PDB file of N, CA and C in Angstrom:
ATOM      1  N   MET A   1      70.380 -12.477  78.208  1.00  0.00           N
ATOM      2  CA  MET A   1      69.541 -13.554  77.718  1.00  0.00           C
ATOM      3  C   MET A   1      69.286 -14.524  78.881  1.00  0.00           C
ATOM      4  N   THR A   2      68.046 -14.915  79.006  1.00  0.00           N
ATOM      5  CA  THR A   2      67.693 -15.855  80.070  1.00  0.00           C
ATOM      6  C   THR A   2      68.106 -17.274  79.682  1.00  0.00           C
ATOM      7  N   ASN A   3      68.140 -18.159  80.663  1.00  0.00           N
ATOM      8  CA  ASN A   3      68.422 -19.565  80.378  1.00  0.00           C
ATOM      9  C   ASN A   3      67.371 -20.165  79.460  1.00  0.00           C
ATOM     10  N   ALA A   4      66.093 -19.784  79.657  1.00  0.00           N
ATOM     11  CA  ALA A   4      65.022 -20.303  78.804  1.00  0.00           C
ATOM     12  C   ALA A   4      65.223 -19.856  77.363  1.00  0.00           C
ATOM     13  N   THR A   5      65.590 -18.594  77.155  1.00  0.00           N
ATOM     14  CA  THR A   5      65.824 -18.091  75.798  1.00  0.00           C
ATOM     15  C   THR A   5      67.003 -18.809  75.157  1.00  0.00           C
ATOM     16  N   ALA A   6      68.059 -19.017  75.910  1.00  0.00           N
ATOM     17  CA  ALA A   6      69.227 -19.729  75.378  1.00  0.00           C
ATOM     18  C   ALA A   6      68.855 -21.153  74.982  1.00  0.00           C
ATOM     19  N   ARG A   7      68.021 -21.809  75.773  1.00  0.00           N
ATOM     20  CA  ARG A   7      67.586 -23.175  75.461  1.00  0.00           C
ATOM     21  C   ARG A   7      66.694 -23.187  74.221  1.00  0.00           C
ATOM     22  N   ILE A   8      65.766 -22.230  74.120  1.00  0.00           N
ATOM     23  CA  ILE A   8      64.904 -22.127  72.937  1.00  0.00           C
ATOM     24  C   ILE A   8      65.762 -21.933  71.693  1.00  0.00           C
ATOM     25  N   ARG A   9      66.724 -21.021  71.775  1.00  0.00           N
ATOM     26  CA  ARG A   9      67.590 -20.763  70.625  1.00  0.00           C
ATOM     27  C   ARG A   9      68.351 -22.026  70.231  1.00  0.00           C
ATOM     28  N   ALA A  10      68.906 -22.733  71.191  1.00  0.00           N
ATOM     29  CA  ALA A  10      69.654 -23.955  70.894  1.00  0.00           C
ATOM     30  C   ALA A  10      68.757 -25.007  70.236  1.00  0.00           C
ATOM     31  N   LEU A  11      67.559 -25.181  70.757  1.00  0.00           N
ATOM     32  CA  LEU A  11      66.623 -26.151  70.173  1.00  0.00           C
ATOM     33  C   LEU A  11      66.207 -25.730  68.770  1.00  0.00           C
ATOM     34  N   ASN A  12      65.978 -24.442  68.556  1.00  0.00           N
ATOM     35  CA  ASN A  12      65.622 -23.950  67.224  1.00  0.00           C
ATOM     36  C   ASN A  12      66.771 -24.139  66.242  1.00  0.00           C
ATOM     37  N   ASP A  13      67.996 -23.887  66.692  1.00  0.00           N
ATOM     38  CA  ASP A  13      69.147 -24.073  65.807  1.00  0.00           C
ATOM     39  C   ASP A  13      69.321 -25.533  65.409  1.00  0.00           C
ATOM     40  N   VAL A  14      69.084 -26.455  66.331  1.00  0.00           N
ATOM     41  CA  VAL A  14      69.180 -27.884  65.995  1.00  0.00           C
ATOM     42  C   VAL A  14      68.151 -28.236  64.920  1.00  0.00           C
ATOM     43  N   LEU A  15      66.933 -27.746  65.069  1.00  0.00           N
ATOM     44  CA  LEU A  15      65.906 -28.030  64.065  1.00  0.00           C
ATOM     45  C   LEU A  15      66.283 -27.416  62.724  1.00  0.00           C
ATOM     46  N   ARG A  16      66.675 -26.157  62.715  1.00  0.00           N
ATOM     47  CA  ARG A  16      66.997 -25.472  61.462  1.00  0.00           C
ATOM     48  C   ARG A  16      68.235 -26.064  60.797  1.00  0.00           C
ATOM     49  N   LEU A  17      69.252 -26.351  61.566  1.00  0.00           N
ATOM     50  CA  LEU A  17      70.516 -26.808  60.992  1.00  0.00           C
ATOM     51  C   LEU A  17      70.558 -28.299  60.669  1.00  0.00           C
ATOM     52  N   HIS A  18      69.870 -29.106  61.479  1.00  0.00           N
ATOM     53  CA  HIS A  18      69.996 -30.558  61.330  1.00  0.00           C
ATOM     54  C   HIS A  18      68.685 -31.269  61.013  1.00  0.00           C
ATOM     55  N   GLY A  19      67.572 -30.538  61.086  1.00  0.00           N
ATOM     56  CA  GLY A  19      66.283 -31.143  60.770  1.00  0.00           C
ATOM     57  C   GLY A  19      65.791 -32.112  61.821  1.00  0.00           C
ATOM     58  N   THR A  20      66.313 -32.018  63.033  1.00  0.00           N
ATOM     59  CA  THR A  20      65.884 -32.900  64.112  1.00  0.00           C
ATOM     60  C   THR A  20      65.296 -32.074  65.247  1.00  0.00           C
ATOM     61  N   GLY A  21      64.445 -32.725  66.028  1.00  0.00           N
ATOM     62  CA  GLY A  21      63.842 -32.040  67.167  1.00  0.00           C
ATOM     63  C   GLY A  21      62.542 -31.346  66.831  1.00  0.00           C
ATOM     64  N   GLY A  22      61.984 -31.660  65.677  1.00  0.00           N
ATOM     65  CA  GLY A  22      60.720 -31.051  65.284  1.00  0.00           C
ATOM     66  C   GLY A  22      60.332 -31.478  63.887  1.00  0.00           C
ATOM     67  N   GLY A  23      59.294 -30.857  63.375  1.00  0.00           N
ATOM     68  CA  GLY A  23      58.806 -31.174  62.043  1.00  0.00           C
ATOM     69  C   GLY A  23      59.107 -30.053  61.057  1.00  0.00           C
ATOM     70  N   LEU A  24      59.085 -30.390  59.790  1.00  0.00           N
ATOM     71  CA  LEU A  24      59.292 -29.428  58.712  1.00  0.00           C
ATOM     72  C   LEU A  24      58.046 -29.408  57.853  1.00  0.00           C
ATOM     73  N   LEU A  25      57.539 -28.223  57.582  1.00  0.00           N
ATOM     74  CA  LEU A  25      56.374 -28.038  56.730  1.00  0.00           C
ATOM     75  C   LEU A  25      56.742 -27.063  55.629  1.00  0.00           C
ATOM     76  N   VAL A  26      56.519 -27.449  54.387  1.00  0.00           N
ATOM     77  CA  VAL A  26      56.673 -26.518  53.276  1.00  0.00           C
ATOM     78  C   VAL A  26      55.283 -26.252  52.712  1.00  0.00           C
ATOM     79  N   THR A  27      55.018 -25.002  52.420  1.00  0.00           N
ATOM     80  CA  THR A  27      53.716 -24.629  51.891  1.00  0.00           C
ATOM     81  C   THR A  27      53.586 -25.060  50.434  1.00  0.00           C
ATOM     82  N   SER A  28      52.389 -24.966  49.912  1.00  0.00           N
ATOM     83  CA  SER A  28      52.160 -25.351  48.513  1.00  0.00           C
ATOM     84  C   SER A  28      52.962 -24.465  47.564  1.00  0.00           C
ATOM     85  N   GLY A  29      53.114 -23.201  47.905  1.00  0.00           N
ATOM     86  CA  GLY A  29      53.894 -22.304  47.051  1.00  0.00           C
ATOM     87  C   GLY A  29      55.345 -22.735  46.941  1.00  0.00           C
ATOM     88  N   ILE A  30      55.921 -23.181  48.021  1.00  0.00           N
ATOM     89  CA  ILE A  30      57.296 -23.689  48.009  1.00  0.00           C
ATOM     90  C   ILE A  30      57.343 -25.028  47.293  1.00  0.00           C
ATOM     91  N   SER A  31      56.425 -25.921  47.600  1.00  0.00           N
ATOM     92  CA  SER A  31      56.384 -27.242  46.970  1.00  0.00           C
ATOM     93  C   SER A  31      56.247 -27.125  45.455  1.00  0.00           C
ATOM     94  N   ASP A  32      55.445 -26.162  45.013  1.00  0.00           N
ATOM     95  CA  ASP A  32      55.236 -25.976  43.576  1.00  0.00           C
ATOM     96  C   ASP A  32      56.504 -25.566  42.829  1.00  0.00           C
ATOM     97  N   LEU A  33      57.517 -25.106  43.545  1.00  0.00           N
ATOM     98  CA  LEU A  33      58.783 -24.739  42.901  1.00  0.00           C
ATOM     99  C   LEU A  33      59.581 -25.965  42.476  1.00  0.00           C
ATOM    100  N   GLY A  34      59.226 -27.129  43.009  1.00  0.00           N
ATOM    101  CA  GLY A  34      59.887 -28.374  42.633  1.00  0.00           C
ATOM    102  C   GLY A  34      60.901 -28.821  43.669  1.00  0.00           C
ATOM    103  N   PRO A  35      61.243 -30.122  43.612  1.00  0.00           N
ATOM    104  CA  PRO A  35      62.117 -30.700  44.637  1.00  0.00           C
ATOM    105  C   PRO A  35      63.525 -30.110  44.675  1.00  0.00           C
ATOM    106  N   LEU A  36      64.077 -29.748  43.539  1.00  0.00           N
ATOM    107  CA  LEU A  36      65.413 -29.148  43.549  1.00  0.00           C
ATOM    108  C   LEU A  36      65.390 -27.780  44.217  1.00  0.00           C
ATOM    109  N   ALA A  37      64.340 -27.010  43.961  1.00  0.00           N
ATOM    110  CA  ALA A  37      64.218 -25.698  44.605  1.00  0.00           C
ATOM    111  C   ALA A  37      64.031 -25.866  46.104  1.00  0.00           C
ATOM    112  N   VAL A  38      63.189 -26.813  46.505  1.00  0.00           N
ATOM    113  CA  VAL A  38      62.975 -27.040  47.938  1.00  0.00           C
ATOM    114  C   VAL A  38      64.297 -27.388  48.614  1.00  0.00           C
ATOM    115  N   ALA A  39      65.053 -28.288  48.014  1.00  0.00           N
ATOM    116  CA  ALA A  39      66.350 -28.666  48.582  1.00  0.00           C
ATOM    117  C   ALA A  39      67.291 -27.467  48.654  1.00  0.00           C
ATOM    118  N   GLY A  40      67.293 -26.646  47.630  1.00  0.00           N
ATOM    119  CA  GLY A  40      68.148 -25.460  47.626  1.00  0.00           C
ATOM    120  C   GLY A  40      67.736 -24.439  48.666  1.00  0.00           C
ATOM    121  N   ILE A  41      66.436 -24.247  48.831  1.00  0.00           N
ATOM    122  CA  ILE A  41      65.925 -23.310  49.826  1.00  0.00           C
ATOM    123  C   ILE A  41      66.290 -23.796  51.233  1.00  0.00           C
ATOM    124  N   VAL A  42      66.099 -25.081  51.494  1.00  0.00           N
ATOM    125  CA  VAL A  42      66.445 -25.638  52.813  1.00  0.00           C
ATOM    126  C   VAL A  42      67.945 -25.467  53.062  1.00  0.00           C
ATOM    127  N   ALA A  43      68.769 -25.738  52.067  1.00  0.00           N
ATOM    128  CA  ALA A  43      70.216 -25.580  52.231  1.00  0.00           C
ATOM    129  C   ALA A  43      70.580 -24.126  52.508  1.00  0.00           C
ATOM    130  N   ARG A  44      69.974 -23.209  51.789  1.00  0.00           N
ATOM    131  CA  ARG A  44      70.271 -21.792  52.016  1.00  0.00           C
ATOM    132  C   ARG A  44      69.810 -21.359  53.403  1.00  0.00           C
ATOM    133  N   MET A  45      68.648 -21.834  53.832  1.00  0.00           N
ATOM    134  CA  MET A  45      68.154 -21.503  55.170  1.00  0.00           C
ATOM    135  C   MET A  45      69.163 -21.963  56.220  1.00  0.00           C
ATOM    136  N   ARG A  46      69.698 -23.147  56.047  1.00  0.00           N
ATOM    137  CA  ARG A  46      70.667 -23.690  57.008  1.00  0.00           C
ATOM    138  C   ARG A  46      71.990 -22.937  56.965  1.00  0.00           C
ATOM    139  N   ASP A  47      72.460 -22.615  55.761  1.00  0.00           N
ATOM    140  CA  ASP A  47      73.806 -22.061  55.599  1.00  0.00           C
ATOM    141  C   ASP A  47      73.897 -20.552  55.744  1.00  0.00           C
ATOM    142  N   ASP A  48      72.849 -19.835  55.380  1.00  0.00           N
ATOM    143  CA  ASP A  48      72.955 -18.381  55.273  1.00  0.00           C
ATOM    144  C   ASP A  48      72.218 -17.600  56.353  1.00  0.00           C
ATOM    145  N   ALA A  49      71.635 -18.265  57.319  1.00  0.00           N
ATOM    146  CA  ALA A  49      70.876 -17.542  58.339  1.00  0.00           C
ATOM    147  C   ALA A  49      71.824 -16.723  59.211  1.00  0.00           C
ATOM    148  N   THR A  50      71.552 -15.430  59.274  1.00  0.00           N
ATOM    149  CA  THR A  50      72.289 -14.543  60.164  1.00  0.00           C
ATOM    150  C   THR A  50      71.272 -13.852  61.056  1.00  0.00           C
ATOM    151  N   PHE A  51      71.644 -13.641  62.274  1.00  0.00           N
ATOM    152  CA  PHE A  51      70.727 -13.072  63.247  1.00  0.00           C
ATOM    153  C   PHE A  51      71.372 -11.862  63.898  1.00  0.00           C
ATOM    154  N   ASP A  52      70.561 -10.822  64.071  1.00  0.00           N
ATOM    155  CA  ASP A  52      71.005  -9.628  64.786  1.00  0.00           C
ATOM    156  C   ASP A  52      69.811  -9.038  65.529  1.00  0.00           C
ATOM    157  N   GLU A  53      70.013  -7.920  66.178  1.00  0.00           N
ATOM    158  CA  GLU A  53      68.944  -7.321  66.974  1.00  0.00           C
ATOM    159  C   GLU A  53      67.734  -6.917  66.129  1.00  0.00           C
ATOM    160  N   CYS A  54      67.957  -6.593  64.859  1.00  0.00           N
ATOM    161  CA  CYS A  54      66.849  -6.164  63.992  1.00  0.00           C
ATOM    162  C   CYS A  54      65.960  -7.329  63.572  1.00  0.00           C
ATOM    163  N   ASN A  55      66.562  -8.466  63.199  1.00  0.00           N
ATOM    164  CA  ASN A  55      65.742  -9.568  62.690  1.00  0.00           C
ATOM    165  C   ASN A  55      65.509 -10.667  63.718  1.00  0.00           C
ATOM    166  N   ASP A  56      66.107 -10.533  64.908  1.00  0.00           N
ATOM    167  CA  ASP A  56      65.936 -11.542  65.954  1.00  0.00           C
ATOM    168  C   ASP A  56      65.888 -10.851  67.321  1.00  0.00           C
ATOM    169  N   PRO A  57      64.893  -9.990  67.522  1.00  0.00           N
ATOM    170  CA  PRO A  57      64.884  -9.162  68.736  1.00  0.00           C
ATOM    171  C   PRO A  57      64.773  -9.944  70.039  1.00  0.00           C
ATOM    172  N   PHE A  58      64.231 -11.159  70.002  1.00  0.00           N
ATOM    173  CA  PHE A  58      64.083 -11.945  71.224  1.00  0.00           C
ATOM    174  C   PHE A  58      65.185 -12.997  71.385  1.00  0.00           C
ATOM    175  N   GLY A  59      66.078 -13.098  70.390  1.00  0.00           N
ATOM    176  CA  GLY A  59      67.217 -13.997  70.482  1.00  0.00           C
ATOM    177  C   GLY A  59      66.897 -15.469  70.365  1.00  0.00           C
ATOM    178  N   GLU A  60      65.756 -15.810  69.752  1.00  0.00           N
ATOM    179  CA  GLU A  60      65.335 -17.207  69.683  1.00  0.00           C
ATOM    180  C   GLU A  60      65.675 -17.903  68.366  1.00  0.00           C
ATOM    181  N   HIS A  61      66.183 -17.183  67.387  1.00  0.00           N
ATOM    182  CA  HIS A  61      66.500 -17.775  66.071  1.00  0.00           C
ATOM    183  C   HIS A  61      65.291 -18.513  65.503  1.00  0.00           C
ATOM    184  N   ASP A  62      64.139 -17.840  65.516  1.00  0.00           N
ATOM    185  CA  ASP A  62      62.884 -18.496  65.119  1.00  0.00           C
ATOM    186  C   ASP A  62      62.273 -17.964  63.831  1.00  0.00           C
ATOM    187  N   PHE A  63      62.952 -17.067  63.118  1.00  0.00           N
ATOM    188  CA  PHE A  63      62.404 -16.501  61.888  1.00  0.00           C
ATOM    189  C   PHE A  63      63.557 -16.028  61.013  1.00  0.00           C
ATOM    190  N   GLY A  64      63.370 -16.160  59.705  1.00  0.00           N
ATOM    191  CA  GLY A  64      64.345 -15.638  58.763  1.00  0.00           C
ATOM    192  C   GLY A  64      63.737 -15.493  57.386  1.00  0.00           C
ATOM    193  N   SER A  65      64.476 -14.825  56.523  1.00  0.00           N
ATOM    194  CA  SER A  65      64.032 -14.674  55.135  1.00  0.00           C
ATOM    195  C   SER A  65      65.237 -14.807  54.217  1.00  0.00           C
ATOM    196  N   LEU A  66      64.943 -15.175  52.981  1.00  0.00           N
ATOM    197  CA  LEU A  66      65.974 -15.303  51.969  1.00  0.00           C
ATOM    198  C   LEU A  66      65.334 -15.061  50.606  1.00  0.00           C
ATOM    199  N   SER A  67      66.148 -14.893  49.615  1.00  0.00           N
ATOM    200  CA  SER A  67      65.660 -14.702  48.254  1.00  0.00           C
ATOM    201  C   SER A  67      65.940 -15.964  47.457  1.00  0.00           C
ATOM    202  N   TRP A  68      64.930 -16.383  46.676  1.00  0.00           N
ATOM    203  CA  TRP A  68      65.085 -17.559  45.812  1.00  0.00           C
ATOM    204  C   TRP A  68      64.385 -17.277  44.495  1.00  0.00           C
ATOM    205  N   ALA A  69      65.141 -17.303  43.410  1.00  0.00           N
ATOM    206  CA  ALA A  69      64.585 -17.103  42.062  1.00  0.00           C
ATOM    207  C   ALA A  69      63.716 -15.847  42.004  1.00  0.00           C
ATOM    208  N   GLY A  70      64.184 -14.770  42.620  1.00  0.00           N
ATOM    209  CA  GLY A  70      63.467 -13.506  42.575  1.00  0.00           C
ATOM    210  C   GLY A  70      62.292 -13.396  43.523  1.00  0.00           C
ATOM    211  N   GLN A  71      62.093 -14.386  44.365  1.00  0.00           N
ATOM    212  CA  GLN A  71      60.983 -14.357  45.319  1.00  0.00           C
ATOM    213  C   GLN A  71      61.538 -14.346  46.742  1.00  0.00           C
ATOM    214  N   THR A  72      60.803 -13.704  47.632  1.00  0.00           N
ATOM    215  CA  THR A  72      61.185 -13.703  49.039  1.00  0.00           C
ATOM    216  C   THR A  72      60.564 -14.917  49.709  1.00  0.00           C
ATOM    217  N   VAL A  73      61.396 -15.648  50.431  1.00  0.00           N
ATOM    218  CA  VAL A  73      60.983 -16.847  51.152  1.00  0.00           C
ATOM    219  C   VAL A  73      61.161 -16.573  52.642  1.00  0.00           C
ATOM    220  N   PHE A  74      60.141 -16.892  53.417  1.00  0.00           N
ATOM    221  CA  PHE A  74      60.214 -16.801  54.874  1.00  0.00           C
ATOM    222  C   PHE A  74      60.302 -18.203  55.452  1.00  0.00           C
ATOM    223  N   TRP A  75      60.962 -18.322  56.582  1.00  0.00           N
ATOM    224  CA  TRP A  75      60.891 -19.535  57.388  1.00  0.00           C
ATOM    225  C   TRP A  75      60.635 -19.099  58.825  1.00  0.00           C
ATOM    226  N   LYS A  76      59.889 -19.907  59.553  1.00  0.00           N
ATOM    227  CA  LYS A  76      59.607 -19.587  60.945  1.00  0.00           C
ATOM    228  C   LYS A  76      59.403 -20.865  61.735  1.00  0.00           C
ATOM    229  N   ILE A  77      59.687 -20.781  63.013  1.00  0.00           N
ATOM    230  CA  ILE A  77      59.505 -21.913  63.910  1.00  0.00           C
ATOM    231  C   ILE A  77      58.421 -21.544  64.915  1.00  0.00           C
ATOM    232  N   ASP A  78      57.424 -22.429  65.036  1.00  0.00           N
ATOM    233  CA  ASP A  78      56.343 -22.252  66.000  1.00  0.00           C
ATOM    234  C   ASP A  78      56.416 -23.358  67.034  1.00  0.00           C
ATOM    235  N   TYR A  79      55.845 -23.079  68.205  1.00  0.00           N
ATOM    236  CA  TYR A  79      55.900 -23.990  69.341  1.00  0.00           C
ATOM    237  C   TYR A  79      54.490 -24.413  69.716  1.00  0.00           C
ATOM    238  N   TYR A  80      54.209 -25.707  69.585  1.00  0.00           N
ATOM    239  CA  TYR A  80      52.886 -26.256  69.883  1.00  0.00           C
ATOM    240  C   TYR A  80      52.975 -27.254  71.031  1.00  0.00           C
ATOM    241  N   ASP A  81      51.813 -27.566  71.605  1.00  0.00           N
ATOM    242  CA  ASP A  81      51.769 -28.696  72.528  1.00  0.00           C
ATOM    243  C   ASP A  81      51.869 -29.968  71.683  1.00  0.00           C
ATOM    244  N   HIS A  82      52.046 -31.106  72.323  1.00  0.00           N
ATOM    245  CA  HIS A  82      52.267 -32.342  71.555  1.00  0.00           C
ATOM    246  C   HIS A  82      51.042 -32.829  70.791  1.00  0.00           C
ATOM    247  N   THR A  83      49.866 -32.299  71.089  1.00  0.00           N
ATOM    248  CA  THR A  83      48.687 -32.658  70.301  1.00  0.00           C
ATOM    249  C   THR A  83      48.542 -31.766  69.076  1.00  0.00           C
ATOM    250  N   LEU A  84      49.371 -30.750  68.975  1.00  0.00           N
ATOM    251  CA  LEU A  84      49.330 -29.761  67.889  1.00  0.00           C
ATOM    252  C   LEU A  84      47.998 -29.017  67.841  1.00  0.00           C
ATOM    253  N   THR A  85      47.360 -28.897  68.986  1.00  0.00           N
ATOM    254  CA  THR A  85      46.070 -28.185  69.040  1.00  0.00           C
ATOM    255  C   THR A  85      46.169 -26.866  69.793  1.00  0.00           C
ATOM    256  N   GLY A  86      47.309 -26.587  70.384  1.00  0.00           N
ATOM    257  CA  GLY A  86      47.492 -25.346  71.125  1.00  0.00           C
ATOM    258  C   GLY A  86      48.960 -25.022  71.243  1.00  0.00           C
ATOM    259  N   GLY A  87      49.233 -23.871  71.815  1.00  0.00           N
ATOM    260  CA  GLY A  87      50.608 -23.468  72.012  1.00  0.00           C
ATOM    261  C   GLY A  87      51.286 -24.270  73.102  1.00  0.00           C
ATOM    262  N   SER A  88      52.604 -24.319  73.031  1.00  0.00           N
ATOM    263  CA  SER A  88      53.380 -25.013  74.048  1.00  0.00           C
ATOM    264  C   SER A  88      53.324 -24.241  75.359  1.00  0.00           C
ATOM    265  N   PRO A  89      53.198 -24.953  76.472  1.00  0.00           N
ATOM    266  CA  PRO A  89      53.243 -24.268  77.762  1.00  0.00           C
ATOM    267  C   PRO A  89      54.650 -23.782  78.119  1.00  0.00           C
ATOM    268  N   ASP A  90      55.686 -24.351  77.472  1.00  0.00           N
ATOM    269  CA  ASP A  90      57.062 -23.974  77.772  1.00  0.00           C
ATOM    270  C   ASP A  90      57.962 -24.328  76.593  1.00  0.00           C
ATOM    271  N   PRO A  91      58.148 -23.404  75.631  1.00  0.00           N
ATOM    272  CA  PRO A  91      58.950 -23.703  74.440  1.00  0.00           C
ATOM    273  C   PRO A  91      60.398 -24.090  74.726  1.00  0.00           C
ATOM    274  N   SER A  92      60.883 -23.833  75.927  1.00  0.00           N
ATOM    275  CA  SER A  92      62.254 -24.228  76.257  1.00  0.00           C
ATOM    276  C   SER A  92      62.344 -25.692  76.683  1.00  0.00           C
ATOM    277  N   ASN A  93      61.207 -26.353  76.813  1.00  0.00           N
ATOM    278  CA  ASN A  93      61.170 -27.740  77.284  1.00  0.00           C
ATOM    279  C   ASN A  93      60.675 -28.655  76.164  1.00  0.00           C
ATOM    280  N   PRO A  94      61.565 -29.434  75.551  1.00  0.00           N
ATOM    281  CA  PRO A  94      61.135 -30.308  74.451  1.00  0.00           C
ATOM    282  C   PRO A  94      60.171 -31.408  74.893  1.00  0.00           C
ATOM    283  N   ALA A  95      60.103 -31.698  76.184  1.00  0.00           N
ATOM    284  CA  ALA A  95      59.173 -32.724  76.661  1.00  0.00           C
ATOM    285  C   ALA A  95      57.723 -32.288  76.518  1.00  0.00           C
ATOM    286  N   VAL A  96      57.485 -30.970  76.432  1.00  0.00           N
ATOM    287  CA  VAL A  96      56.109 -30.466  76.307  1.00  0.00           C
ATOM    288  C   VAL A  96      55.909 -29.638  75.044  1.00  0.00           C
ATOM    289  N   THR A  97      56.887 -29.679  74.134  1.00  0.00           N
ATOM    290  CA  THR A  97      56.836 -28.821  72.953  1.00  0.00           C
ATOM    291  C   THR A  97      57.048 -29.609  71.670  1.00  0.00           C
ATOM    292  N   ALA A  98      56.186 -29.359  70.698  1.00  0.00           N
ATOM    293  CA  ALA A  98      56.372 -29.852  69.334  1.00  0.00           C
ATOM    294  C   ALA A  98      56.762 -28.639  68.491  1.00  0.00           C
ATOM    295  N   ARG A  99      57.983 -28.644  67.980  1.00  0.00           N
ATOM    296  CA  ARG A  99      58.454 -27.543  67.134  1.00  0.00           C
ATOM    297  C   ARG A  99      58.085 -27.846  65.692  1.00  0.00           C
ATOM    298  N   VAL A 100      57.646 -26.807  64.971  1.00  0.00           N
ATOM    299  CA  VAL A 100      57.335 -26.944  63.554  1.00  0.00           C
ATOM    300  C   VAL A 100      58.014 -25.796  62.821  1.00  0.00           C
ATOM    301  N   LEU A 101      58.888 -26.151  61.886  1.00  0.00           N
ATOM    302  CA  LEU A 101      59.560 -25.173  61.049  1.00  0.00           C
ATOM    303  C   LEU A 101      58.788 -25.107  59.732  1.00  0.00           C
ATOM    304  N   THR A 102      58.247 -23.943  59.420  1.00  0.00           N
ATOM    305  CA  THR A 102      57.467 -23.751  58.198  1.00  0.00           C
ATOM    306  C   THR A 102      58.257 -22.879  57.235  1.00  0.00           C
ATOM    307  N   ILE A 103      58.330 -23.318  55.973  1.00  0.00           N
ATOM    308  CA  ILE A 103      58.972 -22.545  54.912  1.00  0.00           C
ATOM    309  C   ILE A 103      57.886 -22.146  53.930  1.00  0.00           C
ATOM    310  N   MET A 104      57.819 -20.845  53.622  1.00  0.00           N
ATOM    311  CA  MET A 104      56.739 -20.319  52.777  1.00  0.00           C
ATOM    312  C   MET A 104      57.219 -19.175  51.910  1.00  0.00           C
ATOM    313  N   LEU A 105      56.508 -18.935  50.840  1.00  0.00           N
ATOM    314  CA  LEU A 105      56.711 -17.709  50.080  1.00  0.00           C
ATOM    315  C   LEU A 105      56.176 -16.550  50.917  1.00  0.00           C
ATOM    316  N   SER A 106      56.808 -15.396  50.813  1.00  0.00           N
ATOM    317  CA  SER A 106      56.340 -14.249  51.597  1.00  0.00           C
ATOM    318  C   SER A 106      54.888 -13.916  51.264  1.00  0.00           C
ATOM    319  N   THR A 107      54.467 -14.195  50.052  1.00  0.00           N
ATOM    320  CA  THR A 107      53.076 -13.908  49.653  1.00  0.00           C
ATOM    321  C   THR A 107      52.079 -14.847  50.319  1.00  0.00           C
ATOM    322  N   GLU A 108      52.573 -15.934  50.919  1.00  0.00           N
ATOM    323  CA  GLU A 108      51.689 -16.881  51.608  1.00  0.00           C
ATOM    324  C   GLU A 108      51.558 -16.571  53.105  1.00  0.00           C
ATOM    325  N   TYR A 109      52.307 -15.597  53.578  1.00  0.00           N
ATOM    326  CA  TYR A 109      52.305 -15.279  55.003  1.00  0.00           C
ATOM    327  C   TYR A 109      51.022 -14.596  55.410  1.00  0.00           C
TER     328      TYR A 109
END
């Protein structure tokens, strides 16, 4: 693993685990489940995320899935420039990166 990948993973873990270092977006499908479901989904995402070569081939901890009330939920982290109009020039550098963690129903992907 490169130093850049290790830094990306660390920054992604801080966002996923602590909700800091980026923004959180829930889709309408997730929001429609209600505030208790949203809180439960966020808690499960934080507590139950496991990563291996199959679901995290680049080692960045930037995508996961879980089951909630019989539905598959995806979460993913994207890297934008600070204007949110393009991709980040360097996702390992928080000075030039706006991280956004999106939680969605798999049917919304």
